[in-house]
Amino acid sequence: MPVKWSWSFGPETAAQLNDDMGWNCSTDPNRIEPRTTYTFTYSGSAPRYSLATDANQNVTLPANTYSPEGWFSVPLYSDATAFSVFSSNLLNVRGNASGRNIYAFQNGTSLRLYVDNVLKETTTALDLFDQWNYFSLKYTMTGSDWGGQIYVNGSPVTSFHQDAQSAEVGGALSFASRGDGDRVNYFGQIILHDSMADSGEVIRYVTRVQPTVDTSENGTWDPSVGSDNYKVLSGSFDKATYTRCAPSNAGNNVICQAQNLATQIGTPVTSIDGITIHTYSSGTGQSAFAALSDNNSTYANGTSVVPAFGDTTYAYATSGSQPSNGSPWTGASNLYLKYELS
């Protein structure tokens, strides 16, 4: 698939990412916080954020974003004060069973590729500071030989290297950067692919769109504010706004529509490589899933989760094309966002 998962940083704090949204990172706002100082953006983009971090602050993505093969890409702006002796695992893929990793290690102005924790190659000096760089780690943990390769700004800076290791099913993805100042590393977004055959090194932008219409519901859904579900199911996370289904039964769902995609994206667009819907919910042990569609009939469903009572549980769905016909998403596409109990 063109894109497995994508994330555009918003105003969510480190505490929200860690405590409410399924990430794993420090909750200290003096170490990690959303900022608008430097943003990875395009002309016409809606206001956006970067995640600003201190040196060696590891940020681990939600557990169900891991794939045993694919691409892990982030744009990073490190200002001049980040040029120091500190080093870090810039992009890291960890296998749960082995406890070993494939990673791009940032050391000075060079990058080191490790496969199965074994150093495979060190790049020549790169221009890594005071500008945006788009880092991509191509990797596989699917066979008897693991493999990895590093790309920067769309071009390979190492060869593809392998190392003997058993295949992994589960794992985790994390990122971190170096620096010697006050949150001098700015991560602009995240894109994941689940196949090395994808063009994961190609520079893409991720943005957020807002639901604009309360389309339909099955069961009784009550928004916390007002009478329209779409007004509380917004493009940024806020535990104070939600819509509740009670009593809850299998098949109950709530659907919102995000209209005028080109307008929300803020620039003319002919093709979209993927759309991800992110959901957070709590419950009483009943499974649920997120889904998205272009016609409110044929849906791309995400993996089912079982929301925890009193705590939020993350679920998502991604589609790289319009589910009804396989055609590319465009700025004129209809976008239906669904959360369903199962």
C-alpha atoms as a PDB file:
ATOM      1  CA  MET A   1       0.000   0.000   0.000  1.00  0.00           C
ATOM      2  CA  PRO A   2       1.299   3.519  -0.693  1.00  0.00           C
ATOM      3  CA  VAL A   3       1.090   4.664   2.950  1.00  0.00           C
ATOM      4  CA  LYS A   4       0.393   2.527   6.033  1.00  0.00           C
ATOM      5  CA  TRP A   5       0.218   5.313   8.632  1.00  0.00           C
ATOM      6  CA  SER A   6       0.801   9.035   8.688  1.00  0.00           C
ATOM      7  CA  TRP A   7       0.955  11.668  11.381  1.00  0.00           C
ATOM      8  CA  SER A   8       0.985  15.460  11.328  1.00  0.00           C
ATOM      9  CA  PHE A   9       1.942  16.972  14.674  1.00  0.00           C
ATOM     10  CA  GLY A  10      -0.583  19.289  16.273  1.00  0.00           C
ATOM     11  CA  PRO A  11      -0.969  21.151  19.561  1.00  0.00           C
ATOM     12  CA  GLU A  12      -1.000  17.930  21.612  1.00  0.00           C
ATOM     13  CA  THR A  13       1.443  18.080  24.519  1.00  0.00           C
ATOM     14  CA  ALA A  14       3.992  15.399  25.378  1.00  0.00           C
ATOM     15  CA  ALA A  15       1.743  14.375  28.278  1.00  0.00           C
ATOM     16  CA  GLN A  16      -1.214  13.932  25.927  1.00  0.00           C
ATOM     17  CA  LEU A  17       0.860  11.889  23.489  1.00  0.00           C
ATOM     18  CA  ASN A  18       2.138   9.668  26.293  1.00  0.00           C
ATOM     19  CA  ASP A  19      -0.819   9.400  28.658  1.00  0.00           C
ATOM     20  CA  ASP A  20      -3.819   9.628  26.340  1.00  0.00           C
ATOM     21  CA  MET A  21      -2.717   8.780  22.817  1.00  0.00           C
ATOM     22  CA  GLY A  22      -0.725   5.547  23.012  1.00  0.00           C
ATOM     23  CA  TRP A  23       2.760   7.000  22.480  1.00  0.00           C
ATOM     24  CA  ASN A  24       5.697   6.465  24.844  1.00  0.00           C
ATOM     25  CA  CYS A  25       7.806   9.506  25.674  1.00  0.00           C
ATOM     26  CA  SER A  26       8.739  11.874  28.471  1.00  0.00           C
ATOM     27  CA  THR A  27       5.834  13.990  29.707  1.00  0.00           C
ATOM     28  CA  ASP A  28       8.138  16.831  30.780  1.00  0.00           C
ATOM     29  CA  PRO A  29       7.205  19.905  28.691  1.00  0.00           C
ATOM     30  CA  ASN A  30      10.715  21.238  29.244  1.00  0.00           C
ATOM     31  CA  ARG A  31      12.038  18.281  27.216  1.00  0.00           C
ATOM     32  CA  ILE A  32       9.341  17.676  24.591  1.00  0.00           C
ATOM     33  CA  GLU A  33       6.645  20.083  23.432  1.00  0.00           C
ATOM     34  CA  PRO A  34       4.760  21.165  20.302  1.00  0.00           C
ATOM     35  CA  ARG A  35       6.165  24.321  18.712  1.00  0.00           C
ATOM     36  CA  THR A  36       5.656  26.447  15.625  1.00  0.00           C
ATOM     37  CA  THR A  37       9.221  27.831  15.467  1.00  0.00           C
ATOM     38  CA  TYR A  38      10.134  25.615  12.495  1.00  0.00           C
ATOM     39  CA  THR A  39       7.519  23.669  10.572  1.00  0.00           C
ATOM     40  CA  PHE A  40       7.769  21.274   7.656  1.00  0.00           C
ATOM     41  CA  THR A  41       5.154  22.810   5.434  1.00  0.00           C
ATOM     42  CA  TYR A  42       4.098  23.931   1.974  1.00  0.00           C
ATOM     43  CA  SER A  43       2.661  27.162   0.616  1.00  0.00           C
ATOM     44  CA  GLY A  44      -0.996  27.431   1.583  1.00  0.00           C
ATOM     45  CA  SER A  45      -0.816  24.900   4.394  1.00  0.00           C
ATOM     46  CA  ALA A  46      -3.055  25.261   7.414  1.00  0.00           C
ATOM     47  CA  PRO A  47      -1.212  26.237  10.630  1.00  0.00           C
ATOM     48  CA  ARG A  48       0.880  23.314  11.830  1.00  0.00           C
ATOM     49  CA  TYR A  49       3.309  22.249  14.508  1.00  0.00           C
ATOM     50  CA  SER A  50       6.551  20.368  14.973  1.00  0.00           C
ATOM     51  CA  LEU A  51       7.482  18.242  17.955  1.00  0.00           C
ATOM     52  CA  ALA A  52      10.457  19.980  19.562  1.00  0.00           C
ATOM     53  CA  THR A  53      12.728  17.741  21.654  1.00  0.00           C
ATOM     54  CA  ASP A  54      15.848  17.924  23.773  1.00  0.00           C
ATOM     55  CA  ALA A  55      18.809  15.671  23.080  1.00  0.00           C
ATOM     56  CA  ASN A  56      18.215  11.912  23.157  1.00  0.00           C
ATOM     57  CA  GLN A  57      14.532  12.155  24.010  1.00  0.00           C
ATOM     58  CA  ASN A  58      13.160   8.907  22.617  1.00  0.00           C
ATOM     59  CA  VAL A  59       9.625   9.066  21.280  1.00  0.00           C
ATOM     60  CA  THR A  60       7.987   5.692  20.572  1.00  0.00           C
ATOM     61  CA  LEU A  61       4.994   5.480  18.237  1.00  0.00           C
ATOM     62  CA  PRO A  62       1.736   3.723  19.184  1.00  0.00           C
ATOM     63  CA  ALA A  63       2.324  -0.037  19.286  1.00  0.00           C
ATOM     64  CA  ASN A  64       0.024  -0.989  16.418  1.00  0.00           C
ATOM     65  CA  THR A  65       1.914   1.187  13.926  1.00  0.00           C
ATOM     66  CA  TYR A  66       4.791  -1.326  13.657  1.00  0.00           C
ATOM     67  CA  SER A  67       5.332  -3.359  10.490  1.00  0.00           C
ATOM     68  CA  PRO A  68       8.036  -6.028  10.136  1.00  0.00           C
ATOM     69  CA  GLU A  69       9.024  -4.469   6.804  1.00  0.00           C
ATOM     70  CA  GLY A  70       8.741  -1.079   5.173  1.00  0.00           C
ATOM     71  CA  TRP A  71       9.870   2.527   5.499  1.00  0.00           C
ATOM     72  CA  PHE A  72      10.070   4.905   8.464  1.00  0.00           C
ATOM     73  CA  SER A  73      10.383   8.567   7.423  1.00  0.00           C
ATOM     74  CA  VAL A  74      10.592  11.849   9.339  1.00  0.00           C
ATOM     75  CA  PRO A  75      11.675  15.363   8.407  1.00  0.00           C
ATOM     76  CA  LEU A  76      13.974  16.945  11.020  1.00  0.00           C
ATOM     77  CA  TYR A  77      15.205  20.480  11.572  1.00  0.00           C
ATOM     78  CA  SER A  78      18.100  20.728  14.040  1.00  0.00           C
ATOM     79  CA  ASP A  79      19.206  24.271  14.735  1.00  0.00           C
ATOM     80  CA  ALA A  80      22.881  25.198  15.027  1.00  0.00           C
ATOM     81  CA  THR A  81      23.038  24.634  18.795  1.00  0.00           C
ATOM     82  CA  ALA A  82      22.339  20.951  18.147  1.00  0.00           C
ATOM     83  CA  PHE A  83      25.847  20.568  16.730  1.00  0.00           C
ATOM     84  CA  SER A  84      27.490  18.994  19.748  1.00  0.00           C
ATOM     85  CA  VAL A  85      28.984  15.768  21.029  1.00  0.00           C
ATOM     86  CA  PHE A  86      25.598  14.178  21.632  1.00  0.00           C
ATOM     87  CA  SER A  87      24.613  11.196  19.483  1.00  0.00           C
ATOM     88  CA  SER A  88      21.313   9.383  19.153  1.00  0.00           C
ATOM     89  CA  ASN A  89      19.288   6.680  17.446  1.00  0.00           C
ATOM     90  CA  LEU A  90      17.581   8.967  14.946  1.00  0.00           C
ATOM     91  CA  LEU A  91      15.251   6.303  13.520  1.00  0.00           C
ATOM     92  CA  ASN A  92      14.957   2.974  15.314  1.00  0.00           C
ATOM     93  CA  VAL A  93      12.996  -0.216  14.562  1.00  0.00           C
ATOM     94  CA  ARG A  94      13.035  -2.754  17.396  1.00  0.00           C
ATOM     95  CA  GLY A  95      12.012  -6.402  17.245  1.00  0.00           C
ATOM     96  CA  ASN A  96      10.102  -7.582  20.305  1.00  0.00           C
ATOM     97  CA  ALA A  97      11.242 -11.205  20.321  1.00  0.00           C
ATOM     98  CA  SER A  98      14.939 -10.585  19.752  1.00  0.00           C
ATOM     99  CA  GLY A  99      15.162  -7.218  21.498  1.00  0.00           C
ATOM    100  CA  ARG A 100      17.471  -6.136  18.668  1.00  0.00           C
ATOM    101  CA  ASN A 101      17.248  -3.216  16.276  1.00  0.00           C
ATOM    102  CA  ILE A 102      17.701  -1.739  12.841  1.00  0.00           C
ATOM    103  CA  TYR A 103      18.537   1.935  13.160  1.00  0.00           C
ATOM    104  CA  ALA A 104      20.019   5.109  11.745  1.00  0.00           C
ATOM    105  CA  PHE A 105      22.432   6.501  14.326  1.00  0.00           C
ATOM    106  CA  GLN A 106      23.293  10.202  14.180  1.00  0.00           C
ATOM    107  CA  ASN A 107      26.883  10.954  15.154  1.00  0.00           C
ATOM    108  CA  GLY A 108      28.270  14.416  14.455  1.00  0.00           C
ATOM    109  CA  THR A 109      27.568  15.224  10.820  1.00  0.00           C
ATOM    110  CA  SER A 110      27.432  11.580   9.768  1.00  0.00           C
ATOM    111  CA  LEU A 111      24.919   8.763  10.027  1.00  0.00           C
ATOM    112  CA  ARG A 112      25.649   5.154  10.894  1.00  0.00           C
ATOM    113  CA  LEU A 113      23.504   2.244   9.733  1.00  0.00           C
ATOM    114  CA  TYR A 114      23.084  -0.623  12.190  1.00  0.00           C
ATOM    115  CA  VAL A 115      21.327  -3.860  11.223  1.00  0.00           C
ATOM    116  CA  ASP A 116      20.694  -6.348  14.022  1.00  0.00           C
ATOM    117  CA  ASN A 117      22.701  -3.962  16.256  1.00  0.00           C
ATOM    118  CA  VAL A 118      25.725  -4.476  13.991  1.00  0.00           C
ATOM    119  CA  LEU A 119      27.406  -1.428  12.422  1.00  0.00           C
ATOM    120  CA  LYS A 120      27.215  -1.813   8.651  1.00  0.00           C
ATOM    121  CA  GLU A 121      28.178   1.560   7.171  1.00  0.00           C
ATOM    122  CA  THR A 122      29.022   5.146   8.123  1.00  0.00           C
ATOM    123  CA  THR A 123      28.153   7.969   5.750  1.00  0.00           C
ATOM    124  CA  THR A 124      30.434  10.807   4.757  1.00  0.00           C
ATOM    125  CA  ALA A 125      29.749  14.198   6.382  1.00  0.00           C
ATOM    126  CA  LEU A 126      26.242  15.499   5.672  1.00  0.00           C
ATOM    127  CA  ASP A 127      24.701  18.951   6.026  1.00  0.00           C
ATOM    128  CA  LEU A 128      22.375  18.170   8.934  1.00  0.00           C
ATOM    129  CA  PHE A 129      21.861  21.529  10.644  1.00  0.00           C
ATOM    130  CA  ASP A 130      19.837  24.719  10.207  1.00  0.00           C
ATOM    131  CA  GLN A 131      17.688  23.214   7.478  1.00  0.00           C
ATOM    132  CA  TRP A 132      15.000  20.588   6.990  1.00  0.00           C
ATOM    133  CA  ASN A 133      16.290  17.127   6.111  1.00  0.00           C
ATOM    134  CA  TYR A 134      13.994  14.245   5.197  1.00  0.00           C
ATOM    135  CA  PHE A 135      15.302  11.011   6.733  1.00  0.00           C
ATOM    136  CA  SER A 136      14.041   7.596   5.626  1.00  0.00           C
ATOM    137  CA  LEU A 137      14.967   4.182   6.985  1.00  0.00           C
ATOM    138  CA  LYS A 138      14.191   1.285   4.649  1.00  0.00           C
ATOM    139  CA  TYR A 139      14.115  -1.964   6.591  1.00  0.00           C
ATOM    140  CA  THR A 140      12.999  -5.577   6.805  1.00  0.00           C
ATOM    141  CA  MET A 141      12.765  -8.025   9.707  1.00  0.00           C
ATOM    142  CA  THR A 142      10.692 -10.576   7.806  1.00  0.00           C
ATOM    143  CA  GLY A 143      13.205 -13.274   6.868  1.00  0.00           C
ATOM    144  CA  SER A 144      16.269 -15.068   8.141  1.00  0.00           C
ATOM    145  CA  ASP A 145      18.325 -12.037   7.104  1.00  0.00           C
ATOM    146  CA  TRP A 146      17.347  -8.578   8.320  1.00  0.00           C
ATOM    147  CA  GLY A 147      18.133  -5.622   6.081  1.00  0.00           C
ATOM    148  CA  GLY A 148      18.356  -1.850   6.191  1.00  0.00           C
ATOM    149  CA  GLN A 149      19.298   1.261   4.228  1.00  0.00           C
ATOM    150  CA  ILE A 150      19.302   5.010   4.962  1.00  0.00           C
ATOM    151  CA  TYR A 151      18.052   7.729   2.619  1.00  0.00           C
ATOM    152  CA  VAL A 152      18.313  11.510   3.093  1.00  0.00           C
ATOM    153  CA  ASN A 153      16.201  13.928   1.061  1.00  0.00           C
ATOM    154  CA  GLY A 154      15.131  11.176  -1.304  1.00  0.00           C
ATOM    155  CA  SER A 155      18.575   9.765  -2.100  1.00  0.00           C
ATOM    156  CA  PRO A 156      20.424   6.782  -0.607  1.00  0.00           C
ATOM    157  CA  VAL A 157      23.368   7.634   1.647  1.00  0.00           C
ATOM    158  CA  THR A 158      24.203   3.992   2.446  1.00  0.00           C
ATOM    159  CA  SER A 159      23.919   0.716   0.606  1.00  0.00           C
ATOM    160  CA  PHE A 160      21.346  -1.917   1.584  1.00  0.00           C
ATOM    161  CA  HIS A 161      22.963  -4.163   4.199  1.00  0.00           C
ATOM    162  CA  GLN A 162      21.820  -7.444   5.736  1.00  0.00           C
ATOM    163  CA  ASP A 163      22.547  -9.451   8.862  1.00  0.00           C
ATOM    164  CA  ALA A 164      21.389 -12.917   9.909  1.00  0.00           C
ATOM    165  CA  GLN A 165      18.536 -12.801  12.432  1.00  0.00           C
ATOM    166  CA  SER A 166      15.187 -14.549  12.947  1.00  0.00           C
ATOM    167  CA  ALA A 167      12.026 -12.983  11.546  1.00  0.00           C
ATOM    168  CA  GLU A 168       9.973 -10.714  13.806  1.00  0.00           C
ATOM    169  CA  VAL A 169       6.213 -10.289  14.040  1.00  0.00           C
ATOM    170  CA  GLY A 170       5.916  -7.586  16.699  1.00  0.00           C
ATOM    171  CA  GLY A 171       8.028  -4.554  17.407  1.00  0.00           C
ATOM    172  CA  ALA A 172       8.228  -0.829  18.022  1.00  0.00           C
ATOM    173  CA  LEU A 173       9.331   2.276  16.145  1.00  0.00           C
ATOM    174  CA  SER A 174      10.952   5.271  17.809  1.00  0.00           C
ATOM    175  CA  PHE A 175      12.872   8.424  16.966  1.00  0.00           C
ATOM    176  CA  ALA A 176      15.248  10.762  18.777  1.00  0.00           C
ATOM    177  CA  SER A 177      17.867  13.360  17.972  1.00  0.00           C
ATOM    178  CA  ARG A 178      20.870  15.056  19.426  1.00  0.00           C
ATOM    179  CA  GLY A 179      21.509  18.609  20.579  1.00  0.00           C
ATOM    180  CA  ASP A 180      22.899  20.877  23.232  1.00  0.00           C
ATOM    181  CA  GLY A 181      20.147  23.399  23.837  1.00  0.00           C
ATOM    182  CA  ASP A 182      16.509  23.955  24.685  1.00  0.00           C
ATOM    183  CA  ARG A 183      14.478  21.558  22.498  1.00  0.00           C
ATOM    184  CA  VAL A 184      16.593  22.254  19.441  1.00  0.00           C
ATOM    185  CA  ASN A 185      15.300  19.310  17.358  1.00  0.00           C
ATOM    186  CA  TYR A 186      12.064  19.761  15.415  1.00  0.00           C
ATOM    187  CA  PHE A 187      10.349  16.685  13.998  1.00  0.00           C
ATOM    188  CA  GLY A 188       7.865  17.774  11.338  1.00  0.00           C
ATOM    189  CA  GLN A 189       5.712  14.676  10.693  1.00  0.00           C
ATOM    190  CA  ILE A 190       5.857  10.880  10.307  1.00  0.00           C
ATOM    191  CA  ILE A 191       5.093   8.572   7.372  1.00  0.00           C
ATOM    192  CA  LEU A 192       5.216   4.766   7.504  1.00  0.00           C
ATOM    193  CA  HIS A 193       5.025   2.215   4.684  1.00  0.00           C
ATOM    194  CA  ASP A 194       4.670  -1.532   5.141  1.00  0.00           C
ATOM    195  CA  SER A 195       6.571  -2.689   2.058  1.00  0.00           C
ATOM    196  CA  MET A 196      10.110  -2.020   0.879  1.00  0.00           C
ATOM    197  CA  ALA A 197       8.681  -1.990  -2.655  1.00  0.00           C
ATOM    198  CA  ASP A 198       6.961   1.320  -1.892  1.00  0.00           C
ATOM    199  CA  SER A 199       8.680   4.608  -2.684  1.00  0.00           C
ATOM    200  CA  GLY A 200       9.096   5.494   0.966  1.00  0.00           C
ATOM    201  CA  GLU A 201      12.045   7.791   0.307  1.00  0.00           C
ATOM    202  CA  VAL A 202       9.930  10.244  -1.723  1.00  0.00           C
ATOM    203  CA  ILE A 203       9.374  13.502   0.172  1.00  0.00           C
ATOM    204  CA  ARG A 204       5.708  13.935   1.030  1.00  0.00           C
ATOM    205  CA  TYR A 205       3.767  16.342   3.239  1.00  0.00           C
ATOM    206  CA  VAL A 206       1.232  15.281   5.851  1.00  0.00           C
ATOM    207  CA  THR A 207      -1.542  17.633   6.940  1.00  0.00           C
ATOM    208  CA  ARG A 208      -4.673  17.421   9.075  1.00  0.00           C
ATOM    209  CA  VAL A 209      -8.219  17.895   7.843  1.00  0.00           C
ATOM    210  CA  GLN A 210     -11.309  18.568   9.918  1.00  0.00           C
ATOM    211  CA  PRO A 211     -14.698  16.831   9.861  1.00  0.00           C
ATOM    212  CA  THR A 212     -17.281  19.284   8.590  1.00  0.00           C
ATOM    213  CA  VAL A 213     -20.593  17.386   8.472  1.00  0.00           C
ATOM    214  CA  ASP A 214     -22.383  15.040  10.895  1.00  0.00           C
ATOM    215  CA  THR A 215     -23.348  12.457   8.275  1.00  0.00           C
ATOM    216  CA  SER A 216     -25.121   9.625  10.109  1.00  0.00           C
ATOM    217  CA  GLU A 217     -25.176   7.366  13.133  1.00  0.00           C
ATOM    218  CA  ASN A 218     -26.423   3.923  14.073  1.00  0.00           C
ATOM    219  CA  GLY A 219     -27.341   3.773  17.743  1.00  0.00           C
ATOM    220  CA  THR A 220     -27.566   6.701  20.116  1.00  0.00           C
ATOM    221  CA  TRP A 221     -24.476   8.907  20.049  1.00  0.00           C
ATOM    222  CA  ASP A 222     -24.447  11.977  22.269  1.00  0.00           C
ATOM    223  CA  PRO A 223     -21.791  14.669  21.728  1.00  0.00           C
ATOM    224  CA  SER A 224     -20.339  16.310  24.820  1.00  0.00           C
ATOM    225  CA  VAL A 225     -21.022  19.782  23.397  1.00  0.00           C
ATOM    226  CA  GLY A 226     -23.875  20.876  21.142  1.00  0.00           C
ATOM    227  CA  SER A 227     -25.851  18.525  18.942  1.00  0.00           C
ATOM    228  CA  ASP A 228     -23.452  17.670  16.093  1.00  0.00           C
ATOM    229  CA  ASN A 229     -20.897  14.886  16.407  1.00  0.00           C
ATOM    230  CA  TYR A 230     -18.520  16.419  13.882  1.00  0.00           C
ATOM    231  CA  LYS A 231     -18.084  19.506  16.076  1.00  0.00           C
ATOM    232  CA  VAL A 232     -16.478  17.420  18.819  1.00  0.00           C
ATOM    233  CA  LEU A 233     -14.697  14.864  16.614  1.00  0.00           C
ATOM    234  CA  SER A 234     -12.054  17.352  15.549  1.00  0.00           C
ATOM    235  CA  GLY A 235      -8.617  17.261  13.996  1.00  0.00           C
ATOM    236  CA  SER A 236      -6.835  17.676  17.334  1.00  0.00           C
ATOM    237  CA  PHE A 237      -7.083  15.652  20.522  1.00  0.00           C
ATOM    238  CA  ASP A 238      -9.111  16.948  23.451  1.00  0.00           C
ATOM    239  CA  LYS A 239     -10.431  14.586  26.116  1.00  0.00           C
ATOM    240  CA  ALA A 240     -13.065  17.175  27.057  1.00  0.00           C
ATOM    241  CA  THR A 241     -14.836  16.764  23.718  1.00  0.00           C
ATOM    242  CA  TYR A 242     -16.237  13.415  22.646  1.00  0.00           C
ATOM    243  CA  THR A 243     -19.342  11.627  21.496  1.00  0.00           C
ATOM    244  CA  ARG A 244     -20.741   8.759  23.576  1.00  0.00           C
ATOM    245  CA  CYS A 245     -22.767   5.723  22.548  1.00  0.00           C
ATOM    246  CA  ALA A 246     -25.007   4.301  25.294  1.00  0.00           C
ATOM    247  CA  PRO A 247     -26.294   1.662  25.337  1.00  0.00           C
ATOM    248  CA  SER A 248     -23.667   0.230  22.991  1.00  0.00           C
ATOM    249  CA  ASN A 249     -24.265  -2.645  20.609  1.00  0.00           C
ATOM    250  CA  ALA A 250     -22.340  -4.286  17.802  1.00  0.00           C
ATOM    251  CA  GLY A 251     -22.874  -2.361  14.577  1.00  0.00           C
ATOM    252  CA  ASN A 252     -23.412   0.986  16.286  1.00  0.00           C
ATOM    253  CA  ASN A 253     -21.396   3.591  14.427  1.00  0.00           C
ATOM    254  CA  VAL A 254     -20.953   7.301  13.960  1.00  0.00           C
ATOM    255  CA  ILE A 255     -19.950   8.805  10.614  1.00  0.00           C
ATOM    256  CA  CYS A 256     -18.691  12.285   9.826  1.00  0.00           C
ATOM    257  CA  GLN A 257     -17.705  13.744   6.492  1.00  0.00           C
ATOM    258  CA  ALA A 258     -14.684  15.945   5.786  1.00  0.00           C
ATOM    259  CA  GLN A 259     -15.693  18.093   2.838  1.00  0.00           C
ATOM    260  CA  ASN A 260     -13.667  20.380   0.577  1.00  0.00           C
ATOM    261  CA  LEU A 261     -10.381  18.511   0.932  1.00  0.00           C
ATOM    262  CA  ALA A 262      -8.523  20.794  -1.471  1.00  0.00           C
ATOM    263  CA  THR A 263      -9.648  23.826   0.519  1.00  0.00           C
ATOM    264  CA  GLN A 264      -8.586  22.247   3.806  1.00  0.00           C
ATOM    265  CA  ILE A 265      -5.246  21.144   2.356  1.00  0.00           C
ATOM    266  CA  GLY A 266      -4.741  24.709   1.181  1.00  0.00           C
ATOM    267  CA  THR A 267      -3.237  24.092  -2.254  1.00  0.00           C
ATOM    268  CA  PRO A 268      -4.356  22.529  -5.558  1.00  0.00           C
ATOM    269  CA  VAL A 269      -3.817  18.773  -5.384  1.00  0.00           C
ATOM    270  CA  THR A 270      -4.305  16.071  -7.991  1.00  0.00           C
ATOM    271  CA  SER A 271      -3.222  12.997  -6.023  1.00  0.00           C
ATOM    272  CA  ILE A 272      -3.060  12.039  -2.346  1.00  0.00           C
ATOM    273  CA  ASP A 273      -0.844   9.094  -1.374  1.00  0.00           C
ATOM    274  CA  GLY A 274      -2.859   8.073   1.663  1.00  0.00           C
ATOM    275  CA  ILE A 275      -5.346   9.190   4.294  1.00  0.00           C
ATOM    276  CA  THR A 276      -5.236   8.030   7.917  1.00  0.00           C
ATOM    277  CA  ILE A 277      -8.084   8.374  10.405  1.00  0.00           C
ATOM    278  CA  HIS A 278      -6.998   8.414  14.079  1.00  0.00           C
ATOM    279  CA  THR A 279      -9.440   7.569  16.872  1.00  0.00           C
ATOM    280  CA  TYR A 280      -9.229   7.489  20.676  1.00  0.00           C
ATOM    281  CA  SER A 281     -11.916   5.903  22.797  1.00  0.00           C
ATOM    282  CA  SER A 282     -12.661   4.360  26.166  1.00  0.00           C
ATOM    283  CA  GLY A 283     -15.230   1.666  26.820  1.00  0.00           C
ATOM    284  CA  THR A 284     -16.333  -1.417  28.681  1.00  0.00           C
ATOM    285  CA  GLY A 285     -14.596  -4.175  26.745  1.00  0.00           C
ATOM    286  CA  GLN A 286     -16.489  -4.037  23.448  1.00  0.00           C
ATOM    287  CA  SER A 287     -14.302  -4.133  20.348  1.00  0.00           C
ATOM    288  CA  ALA A 288     -14.386  -1.348  17.776  1.00  0.00           C
ATOM    289  CA  PHE A 289     -12.577  -0.129  14.684  1.00  0.00           C
ATOM    290  CA  ALA A 290     -11.958   2.990  12.632  1.00  0.00           C
ATOM    291  CA  ALA A 291     -12.758   3.129   8.914  1.00  0.00           C
ATOM    292  CA  LEU A 292     -12.818   5.547   6.001  1.00  0.00           C
ATOM    293  CA  SER A 293     -14.586   5.711   2.662  1.00  0.00           C
ATOM    294  CA  ASP A 294     -15.092   7.903  -0.381  1.00  0.00           C
ATOM    295  CA  ASN A 295     -18.765   7.025  -0.909  1.00  0.00           C
ATOM    296  CA  ASN A 296     -20.165   6.019   2.516  1.00  0.00           C
ATOM    297  CA  SER A 297     -20.682   2.506   1.211  1.00  0.00           C
ATOM    298  CA  THR A 298     -17.340   0.779   0.620  1.00  0.00           C
ATOM    299  CA  TYR A 299     -15.034   1.265   3.610  1.00  0.00           C
ATOM    300  CA  ALA A 300     -11.396   0.539   4.382  1.00  0.00           C
ATOM    301  CA  ASN A 301     -11.511  -0.838   7.928  1.00  0.00           C
ATOM    302  CA  GLY A 302      -8.713  -0.646  10.438  1.00  0.00           C
ATOM    303  CA  THR A 303      -7.763  -3.373  12.906  1.00  0.00           C
ATOM    304  CA  SER A 304     -10.221  -3.917  15.767  1.00  0.00           C
ATOM    305  CA  VAL A 305      -9.245  -2.809  19.259  1.00  0.00           C
ATOM    306  CA  VAL A 306     -10.885  -3.228  22.659  1.00  0.00           C
ATOM    307  CA  PRO A 307     -11.082   0.166  24.380  1.00  0.00           C
ATOM    308  CA  ALA A 308     -10.154   0.146  28.062  1.00  0.00           C
ATOM    309  CA  PHE A 309     -12.594   1.470  30.624  1.00  0.00           C
ATOM    310  CA  GLY A 310     -11.499   4.844  31.964  1.00  0.00           C
ATOM    311  CA  ASP A 311      -8.529   5.097  29.617  1.00  0.00           C
ATOM    312  CA  THR A 312      -8.240   5.960  25.948  1.00  0.00           C
ATOM    313  CA  THR A 313      -7.341   3.291  23.394  1.00  0.00           C
ATOM    314  CA  TYR A 314      -5.921   4.178  19.999  1.00  0.00           C
ATOM    315  CA  ALA A 315      -7.205   2.822  16.690  1.00  0.00           C
ATOM    316  CA  TYR A 316      -6.620   3.897  13.111  1.00  0.00           C
ATOM    317  CA  ALA A 317      -7.350   3.065   9.487  1.00  0.00           C
ATOM    318  CA  THR A 318      -5.443   4.090   6.363  1.00  0.00           C
ATOM    319  CA  SER A 319      -6.343   3.886   2.709  1.00  0.00           C
ATOM    320  CA  GLY A 320      -3.920   4.729  -0.091  1.00  0.00           C
ATOM    321  CA  SER A 321      -6.728   5.034  -2.622  1.00  0.00           C
ATOM    322  CA  GLN A 322     -10.492   5.512  -2.770  1.00  0.00           C
ATOM    323  CA  PRO A 323     -11.944   2.287  -1.292  1.00  0.00           C
ATOM    324  CA  SER A 324     -14.866   2.177  -3.698  1.00  0.00           C
ATOM    325  CA  ASN A 325     -12.854   2.034  -6.928  1.00  0.00           C
ATOM    326  CA  GLY A 326      -9.131   2.001  -6.184  1.00  0.00           C
ATOM    327  CA  SER A 327      -8.604   5.377  -7.829  1.00  0.00           C
ATOM    328  CA  PRO A 328      -6.245   7.877  -6.189  1.00  0.00           C
ATOM    329  CA  TRP A 329      -7.612  10.266  -3.624  1.00  0.00           C
ATOM    330  CA  THR A 330      -7.809  13.834  -4.945  1.00  0.00           C
ATOM    331  CA  GLY A 331      -8.716  17.220  -3.561  1.00  0.00           C
ATOM    332  CA  ALA A 332     -12.231  16.678  -4.937  1.00  0.00           C
ATOM    333  CA  SER A 333     -12.749  13.316  -3.208  1.00  0.00           C
ATOM    334  CA  ASN A 334     -15.475  12.807  -0.646  1.00  0.00           C
ATOM    335  CA  LEU A 335     -14.095  11.620   2.697  1.00  0.00           C
ATOM    336  CA  TYR A 336     -16.233   9.711   5.205  1.00  0.00           C
ATOM    337  CA  LEU A 337     -14.790   8.949   8.650  1.00  0.00           C
ATOM    338  CA  LYS A 338     -16.386   6.168  10.717  1.00  0.00           C
ATOM    339  CA  TYR A 339     -16.009   4.686  14.163  1.00  0.00           C
ATOM    340  CA  GLU A 340     -17.918   1.406  14.627  1.00  0.00           C
ATOM    341  CA  LEU A 341     -18.504  -1.040  17.472  1.00  0.00           C
ATOM    342  CA  SER A 342     -18.083  -4.703  16.597  1.00  0.00           C
END
